[in-house]
Every structure is written in structure tokens, then in C-alpha cells.
Amino acid sequence: MRHGFCAPAPGFRTCRSRSSSGRRGCCSDTETLHRVNTAGARAVLALSEDDSYNAFVVLAVKELNPNVRTVAAVSNTRNTGRVARTRPDVLLTLPQLGSELLAMALSGEEIKADALISQLLKLG
């Protein structure tokens, strides 16, 4: 099973895959994505704290392989709609999830795992 993933590293952003962990570069650059074989990957994760960067990663990956599954994280809820327009397969909206969990806990509402997972993973 082949996986591609993008993750930030201290001071700069890197792009790595399980089979080519030594190759680094900008994850939103199609040349870098090609070098780490995201065209053959089953999934690519864009999980940096920079929402616009994650959106560009999704766009670049979809340019190379429109069939690859993509996951994009959103750090600022104001950007959820913008990142969603790039059509990632999974949109992680952690701030919204945290807000809802806090509201549920404060109101005494029961936290159900299936509702939690569907809120965490907004499947596109």
C-alpha cells in the first residue's frame, strides 16, 4: 500500500512519502509532489497549520492525479468554505469540533462517538 503525505517541519514545509522519506520540498509544488510519487499514492494529507497552504496542496495533488484521496486540515474556521472549494475528500475542522465538544460538555449533553466522528471528518 502506497501513501503520500504532506506535513510541516520546523522552519519550512516538507513533502514526504513512506517510500521516499529523504526527499523534501514544497508540498504545493507539483514537481516535488511528482518526485515523491503522489501520482501513485492512495492518499495525500495536507495537515499544516496554514489553511491556504493546505488548499494549494490539495489543488496541486488533484492536478497530478484527480483520483487520489486528499485530506485537508482547517485551523481557522473562517477558512472552512474556502478550503472546501478545493474539494478535498476529507476536511478536518478541528476548531469547530473543539467548540462543539466544549458546548456539549458544558450543557451536560452526552457525547456520542458516531456524531463526534462525523463532525471531525466532514466527508466531501
N, C-alpha and C. Protein backbone atom coordinates (compact mmCIF):
# COMPACT_ATOMS: atom_id res chain seq x y z
N MET A 1 0.84 -1.17 0.00
CA MET A 1 0.00 0.00 0.00
C MET A 1 0.89 1.24 0.00
N ARG A 2 0.63 2.16 -0.92
CA ARG A 2 1.42 3.38 -1.01
C ARG A 2 0.62 4.55 -0.45
N HIS A 3 1.31 5.39 0.30
CA HIS A 3 0.67 6.58 0.86
C HIS A 3 1.56 7.77 0.60
N GLY A 4 0.99 8.91 0.32
CA GLY A 4 1.72 10.16 0.27
C GLY A 4 1.19 11.02 1.39
N PHE A 5 2.04 11.81 1.99
CA PHE A 5 1.54 12.74 2.98
C PHE A 5 2.38 13.98 2.99
N CYS A 6 1.77 15.08 3.36
CA CYS A 6 2.45 16.35 3.47
C CYS A 6 2.38 16.78 4.92
N ALA A 7 3.48 17.22 5.45
CA ALA A 7 3.49 17.66 6.84
C ALA A 7 4.52 18.76 7.00
N PRO A 8 4.23 19.75 7.85
CA PRO A 8 5.19 20.82 8.06
C PRO A 8 6.36 20.34 8.91
N ALA A 9 7.51 20.89 8.67
CA ALA A 9 8.68 20.63 9.51
C ALA A 9 9.12 21.98 10.07
N PRO A 10 9.83 21.98 11.19
CA PRO A 10 10.25 23.26 11.77
C PRO A 10 10.99 24.13 10.77
N GLY A 11 10.51 25.33 10.55
CA GLY A 11 11.20 26.28 9.70
C GLY A 11 10.86 26.22 8.23
N PHE A 12 10.35 25.09 7.73
CA PHE A 12 9.95 25.00 6.34
C PHE A 12 8.98 23.85 6.17
N ARG A 13 8.34 23.81 5.03
CA ARG A 13 7.36 22.76 4.76
C ARG A 13 8.03 21.68 3.93
N THR A 14 7.72 20.45 4.24
CA THR A 14 8.31 19.35 3.51
C THR A 14 7.22 18.47 2.93
N CYS A 15 7.60 17.66 1.98
CA CYS A 15 6.69 16.69 1.40
C CYS A 15 7.41 15.35 1.44
N ARG A 16 6.75 14.36 1.97
CA ARG A 16 7.39 13.06 2.09
C ARG A 16 6.40 11.96 1.74
N SER A 17 6.91 10.82 1.37
CA SER A 17 6.08 9.63 1.23
C SER A 17 6.78 8.52 1.99
N ARG A 18 6.06 7.47 2.28
CA ARG A 18 6.67 6.37 3.03
C ARG A 18 7.90 5.82 2.31
N SER A 19 7.82 5.74 0.99
CA SER A 19 8.92 5.14 0.24
C SER A 19 10.05 6.11 -0.06
N SER A 20 9.82 7.41 0.13
CA SER A 20 10.87 8.38 -0.23
C SER A 20 11.01 9.45 0.84
N SER A 21 11.20 9.04 2.08
CA SER A 21 11.22 9.98 3.20
C SER A 21 12.39 10.95 3.14
N GLY A 22 13.42 10.65 2.33
CA GLY A 22 14.55 11.55 2.24
C GLY A 22 14.34 12.71 1.29
N ARG A 23 13.31 12.67 0.48
CA ARG A 23 13.05 13.74 -0.49
C ARG A 23 12.22 14.82 0.16
N ARG A 24 12.67 16.05 0.00
CA ARG A 24 11.97 17.17 0.62
C ARG A 24 11.75 18.27 -0.39
N GLY A 25 10.74 19.07 -0.12
CA GLY A 25 10.43 20.20 -0.98
C GLY A 25 9.09 20.77 -0.60
N CYS A 26 8.66 21.77 -1.33
CA CYS A 26 7.38 22.43 -1.06
C CYS A 26 6.24 21.51 -1.48
N CYS A 27 5.35 21.21 -0.56
CA CYS A 27 4.24 20.28 -0.84
C CYS A 27 3.25 20.80 -1.85
N SER A 28 3.21 22.10 -2.08
CA SER A 28 2.25 22.62 -3.05
C SER A 28 2.86 22.73 -4.45
N ASP A 29 4.10 22.30 -4.60
CA ASP A 29 4.80 22.34 -5.89
C ASP A 29 4.61 20.99 -6.59
N THR A 30 4.05 21.02 -7.80
CA THR A 30 3.77 19.76 -8.49
C THR A 30 5.04 18.97 -8.79
N GLU A 31 6.17 19.64 -9.00
CA GLU A 31 7.43 18.92 -9.23
C GLU A 31 7.82 18.10 -8.00
N THR A 32 7.71 18.70 -6.83
CA THR A 32 8.01 17.97 -5.59
C THR A 32 7.04 16.82 -5.40
N LEU A 33 5.77 17.09 -5.62
CA LEU A 33 4.76 16.03 -5.47
C LEU A 33 5.01 14.89 -6.45
N HIS A 34 5.46 15.21 -7.64
CA HIS A 34 5.79 14.18 -8.62
C HIS A 34 6.97 13.34 -8.14
N ARG A 35 8.01 14.01 -7.59
CA ARG A 35 9.21 13.29 -7.10
C ARG A 35 8.87 12.31 -5.99
N VAL A 36 7.91 12.63 -5.14
CA VAL A 36 7.57 11.73 -4.03
C VAL A 36 6.43 10.79 -4.40
N ASN A 37 6.10 10.76 -5.70
CA ASN A 37 5.16 9.81 -6.27
C ASN A 37 3.74 9.95 -5.73
N THR A 38 3.26 11.18 -5.56
CA THR A 38 1.87 11.33 -5.14
C THR A 38 0.91 10.92 -6.25
N ALA A 39 1.37 10.90 -7.49
CA ALA A 39 0.51 10.44 -8.58
C ALA A 39 0.13 8.98 -8.38
N GLY A 40 1.00 8.22 -7.72
CA GLY A 40 0.71 6.81 -7.45
C GLY A 40 0.24 6.56 -6.03
N ALA A 41 0.08 7.61 -5.25
CA ALA A 41 -0.34 7.46 -3.85
C ALA A 41 -1.83 7.16 -3.77
N ARG A 42 -2.22 6.52 -2.70
CA ARG A 42 -3.64 6.28 -2.46
C ARG A 42 -4.27 7.46 -1.74
N ALA A 43 -3.45 8.20 -0.96
CA ALA A 43 -3.98 9.35 -0.23
C ALA A 43 -2.87 10.35 0.04
N VAL A 44 -3.26 11.62 0.13
CA VAL A 44 -2.32 12.69 0.48
C VAL A 44 -2.97 13.51 1.59
N LEU A 45 -2.20 13.75 2.64
CA LEU A 45 -2.68 14.51 3.79
C LEU A 45 -2.04 15.89 3.79
N ALA A 46 -2.84 16.93 3.83
CA ALA A 46 -2.34 18.31 3.93
C ALA A 46 -2.74 18.82 5.30
N LEU A 47 -1.81 18.74 6.24
CA LEU A 47 -2.15 18.97 7.65
C LEU A 47 -1.36 20.09 8.30
N SER A 48 -0.90 21.06 7.52
CA SER A 48 -0.16 22.17 8.13
C SER A 48 -1.15 23.09 8.86
N GLU A 49 -0.64 24.03 9.61
CA GLU A 49 -1.49 24.99 10.31
C GLU A 49 -1.94 26.13 9.39
N ASP A 50 -1.38 26.18 8.18
CA ASP A 50 -1.69 27.23 7.21
C ASP A 50 -2.78 26.73 6.26
N ASP A 51 -3.99 27.25 6.41
CA ASP A 51 -5.13 26.78 5.64
C ASP A 51 -4.95 26.99 4.13
N SER A 52 -4.42 28.14 3.73
CA SER A 52 -4.25 28.39 2.29
C SER A 52 -3.21 27.44 1.72
N TYR A 53 -2.18 27.14 2.47
CA TYR A 53 -1.16 26.19 2.02
C TYR A 53 -1.79 24.81 1.81
N ASN A 54 -2.63 24.39 2.77
CA ASN A 54 -3.31 23.10 2.64
C ASN A 54 -4.19 23.07 1.39
N ALA A 55 -4.86 24.18 1.11
CA ALA A 55 -5.70 24.26 -0.09
C ALA A 55 -4.85 24.12 -1.35
N PHE A 56 -3.70 24.78 -1.39
CA PHE A 56 -2.83 24.68 -2.57
C PHE A 56 -2.27 23.27 -2.72
N VAL A 57 -2.00 22.59 -1.62
CA VAL A 57 -1.52 21.21 -1.70
C VAL A 57 -2.59 20.34 -2.36
N VAL A 58 -3.83 20.49 -1.92
CA VAL A 58 -4.93 19.70 -2.50
C VAL A 58 -5.05 19.99 -3.99
N LEU A 59 -5.00 21.26 -4.37
CA LEU A 59 -5.09 21.61 -5.79
C LEU A 59 -3.96 21.00 -6.61
N ALA A 60 -2.74 21.08 -6.08
CA ALA A 60 -1.57 20.54 -6.80
C ALA A 60 -1.66 19.03 -6.93
N VAL A 61 -2.09 18.36 -5.87
CA VAL A 61 -2.22 16.90 -5.91
C VAL A 61 -3.28 16.49 -6.92
N LYS A 62 -4.42 17.18 -6.90
CA LYS A 62 -5.51 16.85 -7.83
C LYS A 62 -5.10 17.11 -9.28
N GLU A 63 -4.17 18.06 -9.49
CA GLU A 63 -3.66 18.32 -10.84
C GLU A 63 -2.86 17.11 -11.33
N LEU A 64 -2.09 16.49 -10.45
CA LEU A 64 -1.29 15.33 -10.83
C LEU A 64 -2.13 14.06 -10.95
N ASN A 65 -3.05 13.89 -10.03
CA ASN A 65 -3.88 12.69 -10.02
C ASN A 65 -5.25 13.03 -9.44
N PRO A 66 -6.23 13.27 -10.28
CA PRO A 66 -7.55 13.66 -9.80
C PRO A 66 -8.25 12.58 -8.97
N ASN A 67 -7.74 11.34 -9.05
CA ASN A 67 -8.37 10.23 -8.33
C ASN A 67 -7.80 9.96 -6.95
N VAL A 68 -6.70 10.62 -6.59
CA VAL A 68 -6.09 10.38 -5.28
C VAL A 68 -6.97 10.99 -4.20
N ARG A 69 -7.10 10.30 -3.07
CA ARG A 69 -7.89 10.81 -1.94
C ARG A 69 -7.05 11.85 -1.22
N THR A 70 -7.69 12.94 -0.84
CA THR A 70 -6.99 14.02 -0.15
C THR A 70 -7.69 14.35 1.16
N VAL A 71 -6.87 14.73 2.14
CA VAL A 71 -7.35 15.17 3.45
C VAL A 71 -6.72 16.54 3.70
N ALA A 72 -7.56 17.52 4.03
CA ALA A 72 -7.06 18.87 4.32
C ALA A 72 -7.55 19.29 5.70
N ALA A 73 -6.63 19.85 6.47
CA ALA A 73 -6.98 20.38 7.79
C ALA A 73 -7.30 21.86 7.67
N VAL A 74 -8.22 22.32 8.52
CA VAL A 74 -8.56 23.74 8.60
C VAL A 74 -8.30 24.18 10.03
N SER A 75 -7.44 25.19 10.19
CA SER A 75 -7.11 25.72 11.52
C SER A 75 -7.99 26.89 11.91
N ASN A 76 -8.43 27.67 10.93
CA ASN A 76 -9.25 28.85 11.20
C ASN A 76 -10.62 28.60 10.57
N THR A 77 -11.67 28.54 11.39
CA THR A 77 -12.99 28.19 10.88
C THR A 77 -13.49 29.15 9.81
N ARG A 78 -12.99 30.37 9.78
CA ARG A 78 -13.38 31.31 8.72
C ARG A 78 -12.94 30.83 7.35
N ASN A 79 -11.96 29.94 7.30
CA ASN A 79 -11.44 29.45 6.03
C ASN A 79 -12.06 28.12 5.59
N THR A 80 -12.98 27.58 6.36
CA THR A 80 -13.55 26.27 6.05
C THR A 80 -14.15 26.24 4.65
N GLY A 81 -14.96 27.23 4.31
CA GLY A 81 -15.58 27.26 2.99
C GLY A 81 -14.57 27.38 1.87
N ARG A 82 -13.54 28.17 2.10
CA ARG A 82 -12.51 28.36 1.07
C ARG A 82 -11.74 27.08 0.80
N VAL A 83 -11.35 26.40 1.88
CA VAL A 83 -10.61 25.14 1.71
C VAL A 83 -11.54 24.09 1.11
N ALA A 84 -12.80 24.09 1.49
CA ALA A 84 -13.76 23.12 0.96
C ALA A 84 -13.92 23.26 -0.55
N ARG A 85 -13.74 24.46 -1.08
CA ARG A 85 -13.86 24.68 -2.53
C ARG A 85 -12.78 23.95 -3.34
N THR A 86 -11.70 23.55 -2.68
CA THR A 86 -10.67 22.77 -3.37
C THR A 86 -11.08 21.30 -3.48
N ARG A 87 -12.18 20.95 -2.87
CA ARG A 87 -12.79 19.63 -2.92
C ARG A 87 -11.92 18.50 -2.37
N PRO A 88 -11.37 18.66 -1.15
CA PRO A 88 -10.68 17.52 -0.55
C PRO A 88 -11.70 16.44 -0.21
N ASP A 89 -11.27 15.21 -0.16
CA ASP A 89 -12.19 14.12 0.18
C ASP A 89 -12.59 14.17 1.64
N VAL A 90 -11.66 14.61 2.49
CA VAL A 90 -11.94 14.76 3.92
C VAL A 90 -11.46 16.13 4.34
N LEU A 91 -12.31 16.83 5.07
CA LEU A 91 -11.98 18.16 5.58
C LEU A 91 -11.99 18.09 7.10
N LEU A 92 -10.81 18.23 7.72
CA LEU A 92 -10.70 18.19 9.18
C LEU A 92 -10.89 19.59 9.73
N THR A 93 -11.97 19.80 10.45
CA THR A 93 -12.26 21.12 11.03
C THR A 93 -12.15 21.01 12.55
N LEU A 94 -10.93 20.93 13.03
CA LEU A 94 -10.68 20.71 14.45
C LEU A 94 -11.18 21.84 15.35
N PRO A 95 -11.07 23.13 14.98
CA PRO A 95 -11.59 24.18 15.86
C PRO A 95 -13.11 24.06 16.07
N GLN A 96 -13.82 23.74 15.01
CA GLN A 96 -15.27 23.60 15.11
C GLN A 96 -15.62 22.40 15.99
N LEU A 97 -14.89 21.32 15.82
CA LEU A 97 -15.11 20.14 16.64
C LEU A 97 -14.88 20.46 18.11
N GLY A 98 -13.78 21.16 18.41
CA GLY A 98 -13.48 21.52 19.79
C GLY A 98 -14.56 22.39 20.40
N SER A 99 -15.08 23.33 19.64
CA SER A 99 -16.15 24.20 20.13
C SER A 99 -17.41 23.41 20.45
N GLU A 100 -17.76 22.49 19.57
CA GLU A 100 -18.95 21.69 19.80
C GLU A 100 -18.78 20.75 20.99
N LEU A 101 -17.59 20.18 21.13
CA LEU A 101 -17.34 19.31 22.29
C LEU A 101 -17.44 20.09 23.60
N LEU A 102 -16.90 21.29 23.62
CA LEU A 102 -16.96 22.13 24.81
C LEU A 102 -18.41 22.47 25.14
N ALA A 103 -19.18 22.85 24.14
CA ALA A 103 -20.59 23.19 24.35
C ALA A 103 -21.37 21.98 24.87
N MET A 104 -21.08 20.82 24.31
CA MET A 104 -21.76 19.60 24.77
C MET A 104 -21.40 19.28 26.21
N ALA A 105 -20.13 19.41 26.54
CA ALA A 105 -19.68 19.12 27.91
C ALA A 105 -20.29 20.10 28.91
N LEU A 106 -20.32 21.38 28.55
CA LEU A 106 -20.87 22.39 29.46
C LEU A 106 -22.37 22.26 29.65
N SER A 107 -23.06 21.77 28.64
CA SER A 107 -24.52 21.63 28.74
C SER A 107 -24.93 20.28 29.31
N GLY A 108 -23.95 19.40 29.53
CA GLY A 108 -24.25 18.08 30.08
C GLY A 108 -24.75 17.10 29.04
N GLU A 109 -24.68 17.47 27.78
CA GLU A 109 -25.13 16.61 26.70
C GLU A 109 -24.19 15.42 26.54
N GLU A 110 -24.77 14.27 26.25
CA GLU A 110 -23.96 13.08 26.05
C GLU A 110 -23.17 13.20 24.74
N ILE A 111 -21.90 12.85 24.79
CA ILE A 111 -21.04 12.91 23.61
C ILE A 111 -21.03 11.53 22.99
N LYS A 112 -21.58 11.43 21.78
CA LYS A 112 -21.68 10.14 21.09
C LYS A 112 -20.57 10.03 20.06
N ALA A 113 -19.93 8.88 20.03
CA ALA A 113 -18.77 8.67 19.16
C ALA A 113 -19.10 8.85 17.68
N ASP A 114 -20.25 8.34 17.23
CA ASP A 114 -20.57 8.45 15.80
C ASP A 114 -20.80 9.90 15.38
N ALA A 115 -21.43 10.69 16.24
CA ALA A 115 -21.62 12.11 15.94
C ALA A 115 -20.28 12.84 15.96
N LEU A 116 -19.42 12.46 16.90
CA LEU A 116 -18.09 13.06 17.00
C LEU A 116 -17.27 12.80 15.74
N ILE A 117 -17.28 11.58 15.27
CA ILE A 117 -16.50 11.23 14.08
C ILE A 117 -17.06 11.92 12.84
N SER A 118 -18.38 11.98 12.72
CA SER A 118 -18.94 12.65 11.54
C SER A 118 -18.64 14.14 11.56
N GLN A 119 -18.56 14.73 12.75
CA GLN A 119 -18.20 16.14 12.86
C GLN A 119 -16.72 16.36 12.57
N LEU A 120 -15.88 15.43 13.04
CA LEU A 120 -14.44 15.53 12.83
C LEU A 120 -14.09 15.40 11.35
N LEU A 121 -14.66 14.42 10.70
CA LEU A 121 -14.36 14.15 9.30
C LEU A 121 -15.54 14.56 8.43
N LYS A 122 -15.49 15.76 7.94
CA LYS A 122 -16.54 16.22 7.03
C LYS A 122 -16.20 15.66 5.67
N LEU A 123 -16.82 14.56 5.34
CA LEU A 123 -16.52 13.88 4.08
C LEU A 123 -17.14 14.63 2.92
N GLY A 124 -16.29 14.88 1.91
CA GLY A 124 -16.76 15.62 0.73
C GLY A 124 -17.36 14.74 -0.30
